[in-house]
């Protein structure tokens, strides 16, 4: 299924999420939304924290980063 996601606000985060597969991207979007809502912080900060969380849980993603 091809889902269109919004482009993350931070340029580095936007670049890094292109390395995520569909499942990881869905996890990123869900976590960003939860963090933004629950912590009441700006979306850009929530996206950064969500990406860190996804990378922490799945460090194998780093092998694709050059």
Protein backbone atom coordinates (compact mmCIF):
# COMPACT_ATOMS: atom_id res chain seq x y z
CA UNK A 1 0.00 0.00 0.00
CA UNK A 2 1.42 3.40 -0.95
CA UNK A 3 0.65 6.00 1.67
CA UNK A 4 1.61 9.62 1.19
CA UNK A 5 3.18 11.02 4.33
CA UNK A 6 3.86 14.66 5.08
CA UNK A 7 7.44 15.84 4.62
CA UNK A 8 9.11 16.27 8.02
CA UNK A 9 9.80 19.88 8.93
CA UNK A 10 13.52 19.43 9.66
CA UNK A 11 15.65 18.88 6.54
CA UNK A 12 17.88 16.25 8.17
CA UNK A 13 14.91 14.32 9.51
CA UNK A 14 13.26 14.54 6.08
CA UNK A 15 16.38 13.08 4.48
CA UNK A 16 16.74 10.31 7.04
CA UNK A 17 13.13 9.13 6.89
CA UNK A 18 13.67 8.32 3.22
CA UNK A 19 15.78 5.41 4.51
CA UNK A 20 12.86 3.93 6.43
CA UNK A 21 10.75 1.16 5.01
CA UNK A 22 6.96 1.49 5.07
CA UNK A 23 6.56 -0.14 8.48
CA UNK A 24 9.30 2.00 10.02
CA UNK A 25 7.86 5.14 8.46
CA UNK A 26 4.44 4.35 9.90
CA UNK A 27 6.06 3.85 13.31
CA UNK A 28 7.86 7.18 12.93
CA UNK A 29 4.66 9.05 12.02
CA UNK A 30 2.70 7.46 14.86
CA UNK A 31 5.38 8.23 17.43
CA UNK A 32 5.77 11.80 16.20
CA UNK A 33 2.04 12.37 16.55
CA UNK A 34 1.92 10.86 20.03
CA UNK A 35 4.94 12.84 21.21
CA UNK A 36 3.59 16.08 19.74
CA UNK A 37 0.19 15.61 21.35
CA UNK A 38 1.18 14.15 24.73
CA UNK A 39 4.22 16.35 25.34
CA UNK A 40 2.62 19.42 23.75
CA UNK A 41 5.80 20.25 21.85
CA UNK A 42 6.23 21.58 18.30
CA UNK A 43 5.89 19.04 15.50
CA UNK A 44 9.50 19.53 14.35
CA UNK A 45 10.80 18.56 17.79
CA UNK A 46 8.42 15.62 17.99
CA UNK A 47 9.66 14.36 14.62
CA UNK A 48 13.28 14.51 15.80
CA UNK A 49 12.46 12.56 18.94
CA UNK A 50 10.38 10.05 17.00
CA UNK A 51 13.23 9.42 14.56
CA UNK A 52 15.65 8.89 17.42
CA UNK A 53 13.22 6.42 18.95
CA UNK A 54 12.84 4.45 15.71
CA UNK A 55 16.61 4.39 15.20
CA UNK A 56 17.17 3.29 18.79
CA UNK A 57 14.69 0.43 18.42
CA UNK A 58 16.01 -0.62 15.01
CA UNK A 59 19.73 0.21 14.79
CA UNK A 60 20.08 -1.81 11.59
CA UNK A 61 18.65 1.22 9.80
CA UNK A 62 22.07 2.83 10.30
CA UNK A 63 23.63 0.40 7.84
CA UNK A 64 21.82 2.23 5.04
CA UNK A 65 23.23 5.62 6.05
CA UNK A 66 26.27 6.68 4.05
